[in-house]
């Protein structure tokens, strides 16, 4: 029987990273800059050593789950057949598509300021409206959520491994960007820090 949630996830993850690739190509064509495809900061170069194989695995594992029957890569039969978990997988598939749609909104808002690395020699616009108003890193937040949806749909040991690495990586990268932006934007960014959450909106505005 066709595993529709897995098909939706596979397509969503491939569209996500294809879109990232197209944005890199467009940036290279328009500005001559690869939008951080090759980071300049030493810490981010180190993160890229983990990031590149992680993305490759994220693309491969859902596809392998569609084609393989061994215990390491295939979706466990219990996950497909147990009604409550089967419903969870459908919910995760829908959520994955919404993550892609919301990430696209963030990419559109960032426009030419979108890039994948920190450039100490470049002061980009500080975006604090729209989806960025209450969350400092909505793209990373949706990326984490998309990864958790991937794990829910493909509950295998390799997916658990890359999901764990992904969450850690996003936290390290977000904190590194915050340090850079604090230097670049000073008091303006300090106020933004107080008014927003890293991956989740603050429940209440800070007290005066």
C-alpha atoms as a PDB file:
ATOM      1  CA  UNK A   1       0.000   0.000   0.000  1.00  0.00           C
ATOM      2  CA  UNK A   2       1.273   3.495  -0.866  1.00  0.00           C
ATOM      3  CA  UNK A   3       2.633   5.413   2.102  1.00  0.00           C
ATOM      4  CA  UNK A   4       1.122   8.828   1.326  1.00  0.00           C
ATOM      5  CA  UNK A   5       2.525  10.714   4.369  1.00  0.00           C
ATOM      6  CA  UNK A   6       5.999   9.498   3.427  1.00  0.00           C
ATOM      7  CA  UNK A   7       5.489  10.578  -0.189  1.00  0.00           C
ATOM      8  CA  UNK A   8       4.389  14.035   0.981  1.00  0.00           C
ATOM      9  CA  UNK A   9       7.396  14.342   3.282  1.00  0.00           C
ATOM     10  CA  UNK A  10       9.847  13.206   0.604  1.00  0.00           C
ATOM     11  CA  UNK A  11       8.498  15.755  -1.853  1.00  0.00           C
ATOM     12  CA  UNK A  12       8.459  18.515   0.750  1.00  0.00           C
ATOM     13  CA  UNK A  13      12.064  17.998   1.851  1.00  0.00           C
ATOM     14  CA  UNK A  14      13.286  17.841  -1.736  1.00  0.00           C
ATOM     15  CA  UNK A  15      11.353  20.999  -2.683  1.00  0.00           C
ATOM     16  CA  UNK A  16      12.748  22.769   0.403  1.00  0.00           C
ATOM     17  CA  UNK A  17      16.381  22.084  -0.448  1.00  0.00           C
ATOM     18  CA  UNK A  18      15.878  22.590  -4.172  1.00  0.00           C
ATOM     19  CA  UNK A  19      14.506  26.028  -3.326  1.00  0.00           C
ATOM     20  CA  UNK A  20      17.591  26.758  -1.215  1.00  0.00           C
ATOM     21  CA  UNK A  21      19.806  25.700  -4.111  1.00  0.00           C
ATOM     22  CA  UNK A  22      17.944  27.968  -6.521  1.00  0.00           C
ATOM     23  CA  UNK A  23      18.318  30.914  -4.151  1.00  0.00           C
ATOM     24  CA  UNK A  24      22.067  30.316  -4.000  1.00  0.00           C
ATOM     25  CA  UNK A  25      22.235  30.228  -7.809  1.00  0.00           C
ATOM     26  CA  UNK A  26      20.169  33.414  -8.066  1.00  0.00           C
ATOM     27  CA  UNK A  27      22.363  35.208  -5.528  1.00  0.00           C
ATOM     28  CA  UNK A  28      25.464  34.136  -7.416  1.00  0.00           C
ATOM     29  CA  UNK A  29      24.004  35.387 -10.707  1.00  0.00           C
ATOM     30  CA  UNK A  30      22.742  38.718  -9.321  1.00  0.00           C
ATOM     31  CA  UNK A  31      25.515  39.707  -6.944  1.00  0.00           C
ATOM     32  CA  UNK A  32      28.447  37.393  -7.595  1.00  0.00           C
ATOM     33  CA  UNK A  33      28.130  36.177  -3.996  1.00  0.00           C
ATOM     34  CA  UNK A  34      27.060  32.588  -3.234  1.00  0.00           C
ATOM     35  CA  UNK A  35      24.959  33.681  -0.221  1.00  0.00           C
ATOM     36  CA  UNK A  36      27.185  31.869   2.233  1.00  0.00           C
ATOM     37  CA  UNK A  37      27.446  28.520   0.456  1.00  0.00           C
ATOM     38  CA  UNK A  38      31.095  28.563   1.492  1.00  0.00           C
ATOM     39  CA  UNK A  39      31.224  30.228   4.938  1.00  0.00           C
ATOM     40  CA  UNK A  40      34.009  32.657   5.781  1.00  0.00           C
ATOM     41  CA  UNK A  41      33.805  32.461   9.575  1.00  0.00           C
ATOM     42  CA  UNK A  42      35.868  29.595  11.092  1.00  0.00           C
ATOM     43  CA  UNK A  43      33.047  28.423  13.383  1.00  0.00           C
ATOM     44  CA  UNK A  44      30.596  28.233  10.509  1.00  0.00           C
ATOM     45  CA  UNK A  45      33.096  26.336   8.384  1.00  0.00           C
ATOM     46  CA  UNK A  46      33.249  23.793  11.193  1.00  0.00           C
ATOM     47  CA  UNK A  47      29.461  23.643  11.350  1.00  0.00           C
ATOM     48  CA  UNK A  48      29.365  23.050   7.589  1.00  0.00           C
ATOM     49  CA  UNK A  49      31.369  19.850   8.077  1.00  0.00           C
ATOM     50  CA  UNK A  50      28.324  18.503   9.920  1.00  0.00           C
ATOM     51  CA  UNK A  51      25.687  20.413   7.982  1.00  0.00           C
ATOM     52  CA  UNK A  52      26.454  19.196   4.447  1.00  0.00           C
ATOM     53  CA  UNK A  53      26.266  15.435   5.172  1.00  0.00           C
ATOM     54  CA  UNK A  54      23.262  16.071   7.428  1.00  0.00           C
ATOM     55  CA  UNK A  55      21.329  17.680   4.574  1.00  0.00           C
ATOM     56  CA  UNK A  56      22.347  14.856   2.237  1.00  0.00           C
ATOM     57  CA  UNK A  57      21.069  12.316   4.766  1.00  0.00           C
ATOM     58  CA  UNK A  58      17.843  14.287   5.266  1.00  0.00           C
ATOM     59  CA  UNK A  59      17.213  14.120   1.526  1.00  0.00           C
ATOM     60  CA  UNK A  60      18.126  10.442   1.305  1.00  0.00           C
ATOM     61  CA  UNK A  61      16.411   8.867   4.304  1.00  0.00           C
ATOM     62  CA  UNK A  62      12.761   9.486   3.318  1.00  0.00           C
ATOM     63  CA  UNK A  63      13.532   8.217  -0.181  1.00  0.00           C
ATOM     64  CA  UNK A  64      15.262   5.132   1.262  1.00  0.00           C
ATOM     65  CA  UNK A  65      12.239   4.539   3.493  1.00  0.00           C
ATOM     66  CA  UNK A  66      10.116   4.441   0.332  1.00  0.00           C
ATOM     67  CA  UNK A  67      12.338   1.896  -1.368  1.00  0.00           C
ATOM     68  CA  UNK A  68      13.925  -0.232   1.360  1.00  0.00           C
ATOM     69  CA  UNK A  69      12.442  -3.013   3.497  1.00  0.00           C
ATOM     70  CA  UNK A  70      15.289  -3.584   5.973  1.00  0.00           C
ATOM     71  CA  UNK A  71      14.876  -2.634   9.624  1.00  0.00           C
ATOM     72  CA  UNK A  72      17.424   0.198   9.522  1.00  0.00           C
ATOM     73  CA  UNK A  73      15.757   2.351   6.850  1.00  0.00           C
ATOM     74  CA  UNK A  74      12.181   1.150   6.389  1.00  0.00           C
ATOM     75  CA  UNK A  75       9.265   2.647   8.318  1.00  0.00           C
ATOM     76  CA  UNK A  76       8.245   0.111  10.999  1.00  0.00           C
ATOM     77  CA  UNK A  77       5.001  -1.654  10.203  1.00  0.00           C
ATOM     78  CA  UNK A  78       3.598  -0.668  13.597  1.00  0.00           C
ATOM     79  CA  UNK A  79       3.982   2.998  12.665  1.00  0.00           C
ATOM     80  CA  UNK A  80       1.986   2.416   9.482  1.00  0.00           C
ATOM     81  CA  UNK A  81      -0.734   0.236  10.972  1.00  0.00           C
ATOM     82  CA  UNK A  82      -1.319   1.470  14.520  1.00  0.00           C
ATOM     83  CA  UNK A  83      -4.249   3.921  14.091  1.00  0.00           C
ATOM     84  CA  UNK A  84      -3.064   6.598  16.524  1.00  0.00           C
ATOM     85  CA  UNK A  85       0.465   6.678  15.104  1.00  0.00           C
ATOM     86  CA  UNK A  86      -0.824   6.543  11.544  1.00  0.00           C
ATOM     87  CA  UNK A  87      -2.891   9.663  12.316  1.00  0.00           C
ATOM     88  CA  UNK A  88       0.194  11.326  13.796  1.00  0.00           C
ATOM     89  CA  UNK A  89       2.107  10.641  10.575  1.00  0.00           C
ATOM     90  CA  UNK A  90      -0.662  12.300   8.537  1.00  0.00           C
ATOM     91  CA  UNK A  91      -0.628  15.318  10.861  1.00  0.00           C
ATOM     92  CA  UNK A  92       3.159  15.510  10.524  1.00  0.00           C
ATOM     93  CA  UNK A  93       2.898  15.427   6.719  1.00  0.00           C
ATOM     94  CA  UNK A  94       0.452  18.333   6.725  1.00  0.00           C
ATOM     95  CA  UNK A  95       2.638  20.215   9.197  1.00  0.00           C
ATOM     96  CA  UNK A  96       5.691  19.634   6.967  1.00  0.00           C
ATOM     97  CA  UNK A  97       3.954  21.291   4.014  1.00  0.00           C
ATOM     98  CA  UNK A  98       2.957  24.233   6.232  1.00  0.00           C
ATOM     99  CA  UNK A  99       6.578  24.563   7.409  1.00  0.00           C
ATOM    100  CA  UNK A 100       7.682  24.842   3.785  1.00  0.00           C
ATOM    101  CA  UNK A 101       5.017  27.458   3.041  1.00  0.00           C
ATOM    102  CA  UNK A 102       5.888  29.562   6.086  1.00  0.00           C
ATOM    103  CA  UNK A 103       9.608  29.291   5.364  1.00  0.00           C
ATOM    104  CA  UNK A 104       8.926  30.572   1.868  1.00  0.00           C
ATOM    105  CA  UNK A 105       7.283  33.642   3.432  1.00  0.00           C
ATOM    106  CA  UNK A 106      10.446  34.237   5.456  1.00  0.00           C
ATOM    107  CA  UNK A 107      12.673  33.821   2.406  1.00  0.00           C
ATOM    108  CA  UNK A 108      10.515  36.264   0.454  1.00  0.00           C
ATOM    109  CA  UNK A 109      10.678  38.839   3.260  1.00  0.00           C
ATOM    110  CA  UNK A 110      14.461  38.557   3.493  1.00  0.00           C
ATOM    111  CA  UNK A 111      14.909  38.987  -0.248  1.00  0.00           C
ATOM    112  CA  UNK A 112      18.478  39.900  -1.139  1.00  0.00           C
ATOM    113  CA  UNK A 113      19.471  39.809   2.550  1.00  0.00           C
ATOM    114  CA  UNK A 114      18.974  36.035   2.698  1.00  0.00           C
ATOM    115  CA  UNK A 115      22.166  34.072   3.148  1.00  0.00           C
ATOM    116  CA  UNK A 116      23.344  30.945   4.939  1.00  0.00           C
ATOM    117  CA  UNK A 117      26.348  32.272   6.807  1.00  0.00           C
ATOM    118  CA  UNK A 118      27.536  35.119   9.005  1.00  0.00           C
ATOM    119  CA  UNK A 119      29.570  37.793   7.256  1.00  0.00           C
ATOM    120  CA  UNK A 120      31.486  39.850   9.843  1.00  0.00           C
ATOM    121  CA  UNK A 121      32.303  42.412   7.136  1.00  0.00           C
ATOM    122  CA  UNK A 122      28.669  42.865   6.045  1.00  0.00           C
ATOM    123  CA  UNK A 123      25.888  44.678   7.925  1.00  0.00           C
ATOM    124  CA  UNK A 124      22.547  43.493   6.557  1.00  0.00           C
ATOM    125  CA  UNK A 125      19.135  44.945   7.330  1.00  0.00           C
ATOM    126  CA  UNK A 126      17.745  43.920  10.721  1.00  0.00           C
ATOM    127  CA  UNK A 127      14.327  42.423   9.942  1.00  0.00           C
ATOM    128  CA  UNK A 128      11.921  42.641  12.868  1.00  0.00           C
ATOM    129  CA  UNK A 129       8.494  42.544  11.227  1.00  0.00           C
ATOM    130  CA  UNK A 130       6.155  39.826   9.983  1.00  0.00           C
ATOM    131  CA  UNK A 131       7.191  36.360  11.140  1.00  0.00           C
ATOM    132  CA  UNK A 132      10.373  37.904  12.565  1.00  0.00           C
ATOM    133  CA  UNK A 133       8.464  40.195  14.953  1.00  0.00           C
ATOM    134  CA  UNK A 134       8.276  37.779  17.885  1.00  0.00           C
ATOM    135  CA  UNK A 135      10.738  35.065  16.772  1.00  0.00           C
ATOM    136  CA  UNK A 136      14.345  35.893  15.935  1.00  0.00           C
ATOM    137  CA  UNK A 137      14.984  32.794  13.824  1.00  0.00           C
ATOM    138  CA  UNK A 138      11.700  31.664  12.256  1.00  0.00           C
ATOM    139  CA  UNK A 139      13.484  29.902   9.384  1.00  0.00           C
ATOM    140  CA  UNK A 140      15.461  27.793  11.841  1.00  0.00           C
ATOM    141  CA  UNK A 141      12.335  27.217  13.933  1.00  0.00           C
ATOM    142  CA  UNK A 142      10.430  25.905  10.912  1.00  0.00           C
ATOM    143  CA  UNK A 143      13.460  23.864   9.884  1.00  0.00           C
ATOM    144  CA  UNK A 144      13.540  22.193  13.318  1.00  0.00           C
ATOM    145  CA  UNK A 145       9.800  21.545  13.115  1.00  0.00           C
ATOM    146  CA  UNK A 146      10.166  20.097   9.609  1.00  0.00           C
ATOM    147  CA  UNK A 147      12.896  17.800  10.897  1.00  0.00           C
ATOM    148  CA  UNK A 148      10.672  16.663  13.787  1.00  0.00           C
ATOM    149  CA  UNK A 149       7.910  15.965  11.262  1.00  0.00           C
ATOM    150  CA  UNK A 150      10.439  13.911   9.297  1.00  0.00           C
ATOM    151  CA  UNK A 151      11.256  11.912  12.421  1.00  0.00           C
ATOM    152  CA  UNK A 152       7.567  11.331  13.155  1.00  0.00           C
ATOM    153  CA  UNK A 153       6.954  10.022   9.635  1.00  0.00           C
ATOM    154  CA  UNK A 154      10.219   8.070   9.399  1.00  0.00           C
ATOM    155  CA  UNK A 155      10.843   6.842  12.978  1.00  0.00           C
ATOM    156  CA  UNK A 156      14.135   5.070  12.273  1.00  0.00           C
ATOM    157  CA  UNK A 157      17.501   5.171  14.088  1.00  0.00           C
ATOM    158  CA  UNK A 158      19.285   7.106  11.287  1.00  0.00           C
ATOM    159  CA  UNK A 159      16.534   9.752  11.220  1.00  0.00           C
ATOM    160  CA  UNK A 160      16.688  10.085  15.002  1.00  0.00           C
ATOM    161  CA  UNK A 161      20.447  10.594  14.744  1.00  0.00           C
ATOM    162  CA  UNK A 162      20.258  13.369  12.143  1.00  0.00           C
ATOM    163  CA  UNK A 163      17.280  14.987  13.891  1.00  0.00           C
ATOM    164  CA  UNK A 164      19.295  15.245  17.109  1.00  0.00           C
ATOM    165  CA  UNK A 165      22.289  16.670  15.256  1.00  0.00           C
ATOM    166  CA  UNK A 166      20.050  19.109  13.406  1.00  0.00           C
ATOM    167  CA  UNK A 167      18.485  20.540  16.563  1.00  0.00           C
ATOM    168  CA  UNK A 168      21.915  20.992  18.159  1.00  0.00           C
ATOM    169  CA  UNK A 169      23.295  22.584  14.990  1.00  0.00           C
ATOM    170  CA  UNK A 170      20.404  25.047  14.700  1.00  0.00           C
ATOM    171  CA  UNK A 171      20.909  26.157  18.290  1.00  0.00           C
ATOM    172  CA  UNK A 172      24.649  26.689  17.828  1.00  0.00           C
ATOM    173  CA  UNK A 173      24.130  28.554  14.556  1.00  0.00           C
ATOM    174  CA  UNK A 174      21.368  30.764  15.967  1.00  0.00           C
ATOM    175  CA  UNK A 175      23.485  31.748  18.970  1.00  0.00           C
ATOM    176  CA  UNK A 176      26.437  32.521  16.691  1.00  0.00           C
ATOM    177  CA  UNK A 177      24.275  34.765  14.511  1.00  0.00           C
ATOM    178  CA  UNK A 178      22.927  36.547  17.570  1.00  0.00           C
ATOM    179  CA  UNK A 179      26.453  37.382  18.709  1.00  0.00           C
ATOM    180  CA  UNK A 180      27.218  38.817  15.273  1.00  0.00           C
ATOM    181  CA  UNK A 181      23.988  40.839  15.088  1.00  0.00           C
ATOM    182  CA  UNK A 182      24.488  42.197  18.604  1.00  0.00           C
ATOM    183  CA  UNK A 183      27.794  43.686  17.473  1.00  0.00           C
ATOM    184  CA  UNK A 184      26.438  44.866  14.118  1.00  0.00           C
ATOM    185  CA  UNK A 185      23.221  46.505  15.401  1.00  0.00           C
ATOM    186  CA  UNK A 186      24.002  47.387  19.018  1.00  0.00           C
ATOM    187  CA  UNK A 187      21.141  48.712  21.143  1.00  0.00           C
ATOM    188  CA  UNK A 188      18.569  48.102  18.404  1.00  0.00           C
ATOM    189  CA  UNK A 189      19.312  44.387  18.486  1.00  0.00           C
ATOM    190  CA  UNK A 190      19.462  44.368  22.279  1.00  0.00           C
ATOM    191  CA  UNK A 191      15.872  45.660  22.363  1.00  0.00           C
ATOM    192  CA  UNK A 192      14.867  43.050  19.782  1.00  0.00           C
ATOM    193  CA  UNK A 193      16.397  40.326  21.967  1.00  0.00           C
ATOM    194  CA  UNK A 194      14.241  41.434  24.880  1.00  0.00           C
ATOM    195  CA  UNK A 195      11.081  41.478  22.778  1.00  0.00           C
ATOM    196  CA  UNK A 196      11.482  38.174  20.912  1.00  0.00           C
ATOM    197  CA  UNK A 197      12.253  34.520  21.471  1.00  0.00           C
ATOM    198  CA  UNK A 198      14.901  32.490  19.672  1.00  0.00           C
ATOM    199  CA  UNK A 199      12.570  29.839  18.221  1.00  0.00           C
ATOM    200  CA  UNK A 200       9.304  30.478  20.102  1.00  0.00           C
ATOM    201  CA  UNK A 201       7.439  33.773  20.662  1.00  0.00           C
ATOM    202  CA  UNK A 202       7.626  35.241  24.121  1.00  0.00           C
ATOM    203  CA  UNK A 203       4.378  34.646  25.970  1.00  0.00           C
ATOM    204  CA  UNK A 204       4.258  38.146  27.433  1.00  0.00           C
ATOM    205  CA  UNK A 205       5.997  41.379  26.451  1.00  0.00           C
ATOM    206  CA  UNK A 206       8.915  42.214  28.757  1.00  0.00           C
ATOM    207  CA  UNK A 207       8.112  44.431  31.691  1.00  0.00           C
ATOM    208  CA  UNK A 208       9.079  48.069  31.386  1.00  0.00           C
END
